Amino acid sequence: MTQENIVYKKPTLMNDTPMHYCPGCSHGVVHKLVAEVIEEMNMEERTIGVSPVGCAVFAYRYIDIDWQEAAHGRAPAVATAIKRLWPDRLVFTYQGDGDLACIGTGETLHALNRGENFTIIFVNNAIYGMTGGQMAPTTLLGQKTSTCPHGRDPELHGYPLSITELAAQLDGTCYVTRQSVETVAAIRKAKQAIRKAFEASMQGKGSSLVEIVSTCNAGWKMSPQQANEWMQENMFKKYPKGDLKDTL
């Protein structure tokens, strides 16, 4: 009998539910990594995710764990209550740049600064994908969106918000990192970062933030391949990858 070389296996926690994400979207890859890490940590029965308002609003449909839906931007506040009530649970939020870095900026920074023992997974595609491609707090200078069709102008719109750099300065954070999922090597590093953050939260080390720099080819009006190339050429200059803080 020959041994099969399995190069892909769907995590058992991933439900057989068609995803609503646009073809080429990064969310599906990140969902898979989250499910794999939870399985590998044997935390299937003790994990609670908090889903946002935005493209990932239906995250609870895809990963078979306990979920709580939060009001727009309030996922860190909900996660705080859950983790304090059930400290033995693995708790994480899953948020986009609009949910986290715009309406949820206050909730995010204060939860991180308090050192709440949960992980925030921050998917940054620099645009509002679900609601029509509007400018986000993380939209790059010169980047065109439906609400800045001539490109983001700092005098009119302000500057892109580097939320992860802010998080790294807070006393309550123990692990802050920025990753991506556009290549196999990048996916592996992102998975390692998620695992490290989840383990830190279970060890009571403080708050962790894992930013995933992502594409939105539909909002950017590009093909998936073009979006990956554009991200590498433009997004990584403003949002460089790597660990920003590691006290573990």
C-alpha atoms as a PDB file:
ATOM      1  CA  MET A   1       0.000   0.000   0.000  1.00  0.00           C
ATOM      2  CA  THR A   2       1.379   3.399  -0.969  1.00  0.00           C
ATOM      3  CA  GLN A   3       1.088   6.320   1.436  1.00  0.00           C
ATOM      4  CA  GLU A   4      -0.911   9.234   0.094  1.00  0.00           C
ATOM      5  CA  ASN A   5       0.750  12.629   0.026  1.00  0.00           C
ATOM      6  CA  ILE A   6      -2.037  14.833   1.357  1.00  0.00           C
ATOM      7  CA  VAL A   7      -1.393  18.456   0.464  1.00  0.00           C
ATOM      8  CA  TYR A   8      -4.773  19.760   1.570  1.00  0.00           C
ATOM      9  CA  LYS A   9      -7.258  18.683   4.176  1.00  0.00           C
ATOM     10  CA  LYS A  10     -10.348  20.574   5.255  1.00  0.00           C
ATOM     11  CA  PRO A  11     -10.393  21.116   9.026  1.00  0.00           C
ATOM     12  CA  THR A  12     -13.138  19.093  10.666  1.00  0.00           C
ATOM     13  CA  LEU A  13     -14.353  22.298  12.334  1.00  0.00           C
ATOM     14  CA  MET A  14     -15.140  23.867   8.949  1.00  0.00           C
ATOM     15  CA  ASN A  15     -18.807  23.428   8.164  1.00  0.00           C
ATOM     16  CA  ASP A  16     -19.952  22.289   4.709  1.00  0.00           C
ATOM     17  CA  THR A  17     -21.518  25.683   4.062  1.00  0.00           C
ATOM     18  CA  PRO A  18     -20.797  27.658   0.868  1.00  0.00           C
ATOM     19  CA  MET A  19     -18.988  30.859   1.784  1.00  0.00           C
ATOM     20  CA  HIS A  20     -20.441  34.208   0.791  1.00  0.00           C
ATOM     21  CA  TYR A  21     -17.027  35.806   0.253  1.00  0.00           C
ATOM     22  CA  CYS A  22     -16.012  37.029  -3.198  1.00  0.00           C
ATOM     23  CA  PRO A  23     -13.657  34.740  -5.169  1.00  0.00           C
ATOM     24  CA  GLY A  24     -10.098  35.607  -4.203  1.00  0.00           C
ATOM     25  CA  CYS A  25     -11.008  37.012  -0.791  1.00  0.00           C
ATOM     26  CA  SER A  26      -8.517  36.415   2.027  1.00  0.00           C
ATOM     27  CA  HIS A  27     -11.153  35.666   4.658  1.00  0.00           C
ATOM     28  CA  GLY A  28     -11.579  32.032   3.674  1.00  0.00           C
ATOM     29  CA  VAL A  29      -7.878  31.304   4.160  1.00  0.00           C
ATOM     30  CA  VAL A  30      -7.838  32.999   7.558  1.00  0.00           C
ATOM     31  CA  HIS A  31     -10.940  31.052   8.626  1.00  0.00           C
ATOM     32  CA  LYS A  32      -9.173  27.809   7.736  1.00  0.00           C
ATOM     33  CA  LEU A  33      -6.122  28.754   9.779  1.00  0.00           C
ATOM     34  CA  VAL A  34      -8.222  29.627  12.810  1.00  0.00           C
ATOM     35  CA  ALA A  35     -10.049  26.289  12.577  1.00  0.00           C
ATOM     36  CA  GLU A  36      -6.790  24.355  12.207  1.00  0.00           C
ATOM     37  CA  VAL A  37      -5.195  26.023  15.223  1.00  0.00           C
ATOM     38  CA  ILE A  38      -8.244  25.387  17.422  1.00  0.00           C
ATOM     39  CA  GLU A  39      -8.208  21.714  16.429  1.00  0.00           C
ATOM     40  CA  GLU A  40      -4.483  21.346  17.021  1.00  0.00           C
ATOM     41  CA  MET A  41      -4.864  22.876  20.485  1.00  0.00           C
ATOM     42  CA  ASN A  42      -7.743  20.464  21.235  1.00  0.00           C
ATOM     43  CA  MET A  43      -9.912  23.446  22.158  1.00  0.00           C
ATOM     44  CA  GLU A  44     -12.925  22.635  19.986  1.00  0.00           C
ATOM     45  CA  GLU A  45     -15.305  22.449  22.968  1.00  0.00           C
ATOM     46  CA  ARG A  46     -13.835  25.417  24.838  1.00  0.00           C
ATOM     47  CA  THR A  47     -13.501  28.125  22.182  1.00  0.00           C
ATOM     48  CA  ILE A  48     -15.753  31.143  21.776  1.00  0.00           C
ATOM     49  CA  GLY A  49     -15.403  33.457  18.792  1.00  0.00           C
ATOM     50  CA  VAL A  50     -16.930  36.907  18.513  1.00  0.00           C
ATOM     51  CA  SER A  51     -17.979  37.842  14.992  1.00  0.00           C
ATOM     52  CA  PRO A  52     -18.150  41.439  13.739  1.00  0.00           C
ATOM     53  CA  VAL A  53     -20.293  43.559  11.482  1.00  0.00           C
ATOM     54  CA  GLY A  54     -18.710  43.609   8.038  1.00  0.00           C
ATOM     55  CA  CYS A  55     -17.676  41.042   5.459  1.00  0.00           C
ATOM     56  CA  ALA A  56     -17.045  38.444   8.197  1.00  0.00           C
ATOM     57  CA  VAL A  57     -20.430  38.958   9.853  1.00  0.00           C
ATOM     58  CA  PHE A  58     -21.331  35.356   9.000  1.00  0.00           C
ATOM     59  CA  ALA A  59     -18.110  33.820  10.353  1.00  0.00           C
ATOM     60  CA  TYR A  60     -20.237  31.769  12.746  1.00  0.00           C
ATOM     61  CA  ARG A  61     -21.642  29.841   9.778  1.00  0.00           C
ATOM     62  CA  TYR A  62     -18.281  28.447   8.766  1.00  0.00           C
ATOM     63  CA  ILE A  63     -16.401  27.325  11.902  1.00  0.00           C
ATOM     64  CA  ASP A  64     -18.189  24.889  14.214  1.00  0.00           C
ATOM     65  CA  ILE A  65     -17.457  26.469  17.590  1.00  0.00           C
ATOM     66  CA  ASP A  66     -19.489  28.640  19.956  1.00  0.00           C
ATOM     67  CA  TRP A  67     -19.944  32.165  18.621  1.00  0.00           C
ATOM     68  CA  GLN A  68     -21.368  35.452  19.821  1.00  0.00           C
ATOM     69  CA  GLU A  69     -22.416  38.166  17.390  1.00  0.00           C
ATOM     70  CA  ALA A  70     -21.434  41.683  18.489  1.00  0.00           C
ATOM     71  CA  ALA A  71     -22.806  45.064  17.543  1.00  0.00           C
ATOM     72  CA  HIS A  72     -20.692  47.030  15.088  1.00  0.00           C
ATOM     73  CA  GLY A  73     -17.277  47.696  16.642  1.00  0.00           C
ATOM     74  CA  ARG A  74     -18.141  46.182  20.029  1.00  0.00           C
ATOM     75  CA  ALA A  75     -16.517  42.766  19.664  1.00  0.00           C
ATOM     76  CA  PRO A  76     -13.679  43.506  22.156  1.00  0.00           C
ATOM     77  CA  ALA A  77     -16.221  44.566  24.815  1.00  0.00           C
ATOM     78  CA  VAL A  78     -18.218  41.368  24.278  1.00  0.00           C
ATOM     79  CA  ALA A  79     -15.026  39.281  24.359  1.00  0.00           C
ATOM     80  CA  THR A  80     -14.012  40.972  27.612  1.00  0.00           C
ATOM     81  CA  ALA A  81     -17.242  39.862  29.289  1.00  0.00           C
ATOM     82  CA  ILE A  82     -16.968  36.315  27.936  1.00  0.00           C
ATOM     83  CA  LYS A  83     -13.361  35.823  29.013  1.00  0.00           C
ATOM     84  CA  ARG A  84     -13.939  37.258  32.468  1.00  0.00           C
ATOM     85  CA  LEU A  85     -16.972  35.017  33.003  1.00  0.00           C
ATOM     86  CA  TRP A  86     -15.267  31.917  31.559  1.00  0.00           C
ATOM     87  CA  PRO A  87     -11.497  32.353  32.003  1.00  0.00           C
ATOM     88  CA  ASP A  88     -10.871  28.757  30.957  1.00  0.00           C
ATOM     89  CA  ARG A  89     -12.231  29.451  27.448  1.00  0.00           C
ATOM     90  CA  LEU A  90     -10.194  30.329  24.375  1.00  0.00           C
ATOM     91  CA  VAL A  91     -11.736  33.629  23.300  1.00  0.00           C
ATOM     92  CA  PHE A  92     -11.007  35.618  20.161  1.00  0.00           C
ATOM     93  CA  THR A  93     -12.581  38.345  18.055  1.00  0.00           C
ATOM     94  CA  TYR A  94     -12.523  38.351  14.268  1.00  0.00           C
ATOM     95  CA  GLN A  95     -12.781  41.883  12.838  1.00  0.00           C
ATOM     96  CA  GLY A  96     -12.197  43.913   9.692  1.00  0.00           C
ATOM     97  CA  ASP A  97     -10.626  47.349   9.443  1.00  0.00           C
ATOM     98  CA  GLY A  98     -13.944  49.207   9.506  1.00  0.00           C
ATOM     99  CA  ASP A  99     -15.339  47.311  12.483  1.00  0.00           C
ATOM    100  CA  LEU A 100     -12.070  47.451  14.440  1.00  0.00           C
ATOM    101  CA  ALA A 101     -10.254  50.611  13.392  1.00  0.00           C
ATOM    102  CA  CYS A 102     -13.200  52.977  12.807  1.00  0.00           C
ATOM    103  CA  ILE A 103     -16.356  52.511  14.865  1.00  0.00           C
ATOM    104  CA  GLY A 104     -14.555  50.115  17.213  1.00  0.00           C
ATOM    105  CA  THR A 105     -11.315  52.052  17.783  1.00  0.00           C
ATOM    106  CA  GLY A 106     -12.141  52.912  21.384  1.00  0.00           C
ATOM    107  CA  GLU A 107     -13.307  49.398  22.262  1.00  0.00           C
ATOM    108  CA  THR A 108     -10.213  47.905  20.660  1.00  0.00           C
ATOM    109  CA  LEU A 109      -7.557  50.101  22.244  1.00  0.00           C
ATOM    110  CA  HIS A 110      -9.075  50.057  25.712  1.00  0.00           C
ATOM    111  CA  ALA A 111      -9.486  46.268  25.737  1.00  0.00           C
ATOM    112  CA  LEU A 112      -5.893  45.821  24.588  1.00  0.00           C
ATOM    113  CA  ASN A 113      -4.646  48.353  27.112  1.00  0.00           C
ATOM    114  CA  ARG A 114      -6.441  46.514  29.931  1.00  0.00           C
ATOM    115  CA  GLY A 115      -4.591  43.356  28.973  1.00  0.00           C
ATOM    116  CA  GLU A 116      -7.720  41.274  28.509  1.00  0.00           C
ATOM    117  CA  ASN A 117      -6.691  37.670  27.919  1.00  0.00           C
ATOM    118  CA  PHE A 118      -8.075  37.174  24.444  1.00  0.00           C
ATOM    119  CA  THR A 119      -6.851  37.530  20.860  1.00  0.00           C
ATOM    120  CA  ILE A 120      -8.029  40.017  18.264  1.00  0.00           C
ATOM    121  CA  ILE A 121      -7.703  38.842  14.666  1.00  0.00           C
ATOM    122  CA  PHE A 122      -7.667  41.967  12.521  1.00  0.00           C
ATOM    123  CA  VAL A 123      -8.224  41.534   8.767  1.00  0.00           C
ATOM    124  CA  ASN A 124      -7.008  44.709   7.046  1.00  0.00           C
ATOM    125  CA  ASN A 125      -7.920  45.107   3.371  1.00  0.00           C
ATOM    126  CA  ALA A 126      -7.936  48.931   3.456  1.00  0.00           C
ATOM    127  CA  ILE A 127     -11.531  49.292   2.292  1.00  0.00           C
ATOM    128  CA  TYR A 128     -15.152  48.714   3.291  1.00  0.00           C
ATOM    129  CA  GLY A 129     -15.810  45.593   1.272  1.00  0.00           C
ATOM    130  CA  MET A 130     -19.368  44.700   2.286  1.00  0.00           C
ATOM    131  CA  THR A 131     -21.052  48.086   1.964  1.00  0.00           C
ATOM    132  CA  GLY A 132     -19.802  49.322  -1.379  1.00  0.00           C
ATOM    133  CA  GLY A 133     -16.062  49.968  -1.294  1.00  0.00           C
ATOM    134  CA  GLN A 134     -15.899  53.135   0.799  1.00  0.00           C
ATOM    135  CA  MET A 135     -12.704  54.557   2.270  1.00  0.00           C
ATOM    136  CA  ALA A 136     -11.613  52.891   5.501  1.00  0.00           C
ATOM    137  CA  PRO A 137      -9.338  54.229   8.246  1.00  0.00           C
ATOM    138  CA  THR A 138      -6.588  52.039   6.758  1.00  0.00           C
ATOM    139  CA  THR A 139      -7.045  53.146   3.118  1.00  0.00           C
ATOM    140  CA  LEU A 140      -3.674  54.185   1.690  1.00  0.00           C
ATOM    141  CA  LEU A 141      -2.804  57.692   0.573  1.00  0.00           C
ATOM    142  CA  GLY A 142      -3.752  58.015  -3.081  1.00  0.00           C
ATOM    143  CA  GLN A 143      -5.847  54.843  -3.020  1.00  0.00           C
ATOM    144  CA  LYS A 144      -9.179  55.245  -4.812  1.00  0.00           C
ATOM    145  CA  THR A 145     -12.452  54.159  -3.215  1.00  0.00           C
ATOM    146  CA  SER A 146     -16.118  54.968  -3.812  1.00  0.00           C
ATOM    147  CA  THR A 147     -15.945  57.826  -1.282  1.00  0.00           C
ATOM    148  CA  CYS A 148     -12.547  59.145  -2.397  1.00  0.00           C
ATOM    149  CA  PRO A 149     -12.679  58.477  -6.162  1.00  0.00           C
ATOM    150  CA  HIS A 150      -9.636  60.657  -6.810  1.00  0.00           C
ATOM    151  CA  GLY A 151      -7.567  58.958  -4.137  1.00  0.00           C
ATOM    152  CA  ARG A 152      -7.162  59.501  -0.421  1.00  0.00           C
ATOM    153  CA  ASP A 153      -5.947  63.041   0.250  1.00  0.00           C
ATOM    154  CA  PRO A 154      -4.390  63.602   3.700  1.00  0.00           C
ATOM    155  CA  GLU A 155      -5.536  67.239   3.819  1.00  0.00           C
ATOM    156  CA  LEU A 156      -9.129  66.167   3.235  1.00  0.00           C
ATOM    157  CA  HIS A 157      -9.313  62.652   4.646  1.00  0.00           C
ATOM    158  CA  GLY A 158      -6.449  62.422   7.110  1.00  0.00           C
ATOM    159  CA  TYR A 159      -3.791  59.727   7.185  1.00  0.00           C
ATOM    160  CA  PRO A 160      -4.098  55.921   7.254  1.00  0.00           C
ATOM    161  CA  LEU A 161      -4.421  54.610  10.801  1.00  0.00           C
ATOM    162  CA  SER A 162      -1.739  52.116  11.840  1.00  0.00           C
ATOM    163  CA  ILE A 163      -3.736  50.428  14.566  1.00  0.00           C
ATOM    164  CA  THR A 164      -1.211  47.643  15.097  1.00  0.00           C
ATOM    165  CA  GLU A 165       1.604  50.078  15.832  1.00  0.00           C
ATOM    166  CA  LEU A 166      -0.651  51.746  18.395  1.00  0.00           C
ATOM    167  CA  ALA A 167      -1.437  48.366  19.975  1.00  0.00           C
ATOM    168  CA  ALA A 168       2.256  47.533  20.304  1.00  0.00           C
ATOM    169  CA  GLN A 169       2.751  50.568  22.558  1.00  0.00           C
ATOM    170  CA  LEU A 170       0.100  49.542  25.068  1.00  0.00           C
ATOM    171  CA  ASP A 171       1.160  48.007  28.369  1.00  0.00           C
ATOM    172  CA  GLY A 172      -1.600  45.385  28.231  1.00  0.00           C
ATOM    173  CA  THR A 173      -0.481  43.726  25.001  1.00  0.00           C
ATOM    174  CA  CYS A 174       1.877  40.768  25.094  1.00  0.00           C
ATOM    175  CA  TYR A 175       2.010  39.818  21.417  1.00  0.00           C
ATOM    176  CA  VAL A 176       1.332  42.087  18.439  1.00  0.00           C
ATOM    177  CA  THR A 177       2.117  40.938  14.915  1.00  0.00           C
ATOM    178  CA  ARG A 178       1.283  41.662  11.281  1.00  0.00           C
ATOM    179  CA  GLN A 179       1.073  38.844   8.739  1.00  0.00           C
ATOM    180  CA  SER A 180      -0.563  38.019   5.378  1.00  0.00           C
ATOM    181  CA  VAL A 181      -1.879  34.991   3.480  1.00  0.00           C
ATOM    182  CA  GLU A 182      -1.000  35.579  -0.183  1.00  0.00           C
ATOM    183  CA  THR A 183       1.612  32.799  -0.477  1.00  0.00           C
ATOM    184  CA  VAL A 184       2.153  29.383   1.103  1.00  0.00           C
ATOM    185  CA  ALA A 185       5.068  30.715   3.140  1.00  0.00           C
ATOM    186  CA  ALA A 186       2.999  33.668   4.345  1.00  0.00           C
ATOM    187  CA  ILE A 187       0.104  31.380   5.261  1.00  0.00           C
ATOM    188  CA  ARG A 188       2.390  29.223   7.403  1.00  0.00           C
ATOM    189  CA  LYS A 189       3.720  32.265   9.260  1.00  0.00           C
ATOM    190  CA  ALA A 190       0.207  33.567   9.801  1.00  0.00           C
ATOM    191  CA  LYS A 191      -0.856  30.233  11.264  1.00  0.00           C
ATOM    192  CA  GLN A 192       2.121  30.236  13.631  1.00  0.00           C
ATOM    193  CA  ALA A 193       1.188  33.750  14.757  1.00  0.00           C
ATOM    194  CA  ILE A 194      -2.428  32.782  15.445  1.00  0.00           C
ATOM    195  CA  ARG A 195      -1.292  29.736  17.430  1.00  0.00           C
ATOM    196  CA  LYS A 196       1.130  31.819  19.473  1.00  0.00           C
ATOM    197  CA  ALA A 197      -1.529  34.425  20.242  1.00  0.00           C
ATOM    198  CA  PHE A 198      -4.108  31.813  21.254  1.00  0.00           C
ATOM    199  CA  GLU A 199      -1.617  30.075  23.552  1.00  0.00           C
ATOM    200  CA  ALA A 200      -0.680  33.397  25.185  1.00  0.00           C
ATOM    201  CA  SER A 201      -4.325  34.165  25.928  1.00  0.00           C
ATOM    202  CA  MET A 202      -4.805  30.755  27.559  1.00  0.00           C
ATOM    203  CA  GLN A 203      -1.688  31.326  29.665  1.00  0.00           C
ATOM    204  CA  GLY A 204      -3.025  34.644  30.937  1.00  0.00           C
ATOM    205  CA  LYS A 205      -0.202  36.671  29.412  1.00  0.00           C
ATOM    206  CA  GLY A 206      -2.400  39.577  28.273  1.00  0.00           C
ATOM    207  CA  SER A 207      -3.908  40.773  25.004  1.00  0.00           C
ATOM    208  CA  SER A 208      -2.726  39.749  21.546  1.00  0.00           C
ATOM    209  CA  LEU A 209      -3.415  41.352  18.181  1.00  0.00           C
ATOM    210  CA  VAL A 210      -2.816  39.476  14.928  1.00  0.00           C
ATOM    211  CA  GLU A 211      -3.253  41.720  11.904  1.00  0.00           C
ATOM    212  CA  ILE A 212      -3.645  39.993   8.541  1.00  0.00           C
ATOM    213  CA  VAL A 213      -2.926  42.365   5.648  1.00  0.00           C
ATOM    214  CA  SER A 214      -5.437  41.226   3.037  1.00  0.00           C
ATOM    215  CA  THR A 215      -6.869  41.848  -0.392  1.00  0.00           C
ATOM    216  CA  CYS A 216     -10.332  42.943  -1.495  1.00  0.00           C
ATOM    217  CA  ASN A 217     -10.152  42.371  -5.228  1.00  0.00           C
ATOM    218  CA  ALA A 218     -13.867  43.171  -5.627  1.00  0.00           C
ATOM    219  CA  GLY A 219     -13.573  46.486  -3.808  1.00  0.00           C
ATOM    220  CA  TRP A 220     -10.250  47.275  -5.441  1.00  0.00           C
ATOM    221  CA  LYS A 221     -11.747  46.313  -8.840  1.00  0.00           C
ATOM    222  CA  MET A 222      -8.930  43.908  -9.674  1.00  0.00           C
ATOM    223  CA  SER A 223      -8.518  40.230 -10.383  1.00  0.00           C
ATOM    224  CA  PRO A 224      -7.330  38.104  -7.430  1.00  0.00           C
ATOM    225  CA  GLN A 225      -3.834  37.899  -8.929  1.00  0.00           C
ATOM    226  CA  GLN A 226      -3.682  41.646  -9.531  1.00  0.00           C
ATOM    227  CA  ALA A 227      -4.905  42.295  -5.995  1.00  0.00           C
ATOM    228  CA  ASN A 228      -2.165  40.127  -4.498  1.00  0.00           C
ATOM    229  CA  GLU A 229       0.454  41.937  -6.569  1.00  0.00           C
ATOM    230  CA  TRP A 230      -0.968  45.350  -5.648  1.00  0.00           C
ATOM    231  CA  MET A 231      -0.960  44.413  -1.972  1.00  0.00           C
ATOM    232  CA  GLN A 232       2.678  43.343  -2.109  1.00  0.00           C
ATOM    233  CA  GLU A 233       3.725  46.475  -3.967  1.00  0.00           C
ATOM    234  CA  ASN A 234       1.698  48.993  -1.937  1.00  0.00           C
ATOM    235  CA  MET A 235       0.164  47.675   1.289  1.00  0.00           C
ATOM    236  CA  PHE A 236       3.350  46.208   2.724  1.00  0.00           C
ATOM    237  CA  LYS A 237       5.117  49.570   2.464  1.00  0.00           C
ATOM    238  CA  LYS A 238       2.632  51.152   4.858  1.00  0.00           C
ATOM    239  CA  TYR A 239       1.906  47.995   6.823  1.00  0.00           C
ATOM    240  CA  PRO A 240       5.191  46.027   7.001  1.00  0.00           C
ATOM    241  CA  LYS A 241       4.931  42.436   8.122  1.00  0.00           C
ATOM    242  CA  GLY A 242       6.513  40.927  11.210  1.00  0.00           C
ATOM    243  CA  ASP A 243       6.269  40.934  14.999  1.00  0.00           C
ATOM    244  CA  LEU A 244       5.878  44.406  16.472  1.00  0.00           C
ATOM    245  CA  LYS A 245       5.843  43.259  20.102  1.00  0.00           C
ATOM    246  CA  ASP A 246       6.652  39.936  21.698  1.00  0.00           C
ATOM    247  CA  THR A 247       6.973  39.650  25.476  1.00  0.00           C
ATOM    248  CA  LEU A 248       6.361  35.907  25.569  1.00  0.00           C
END
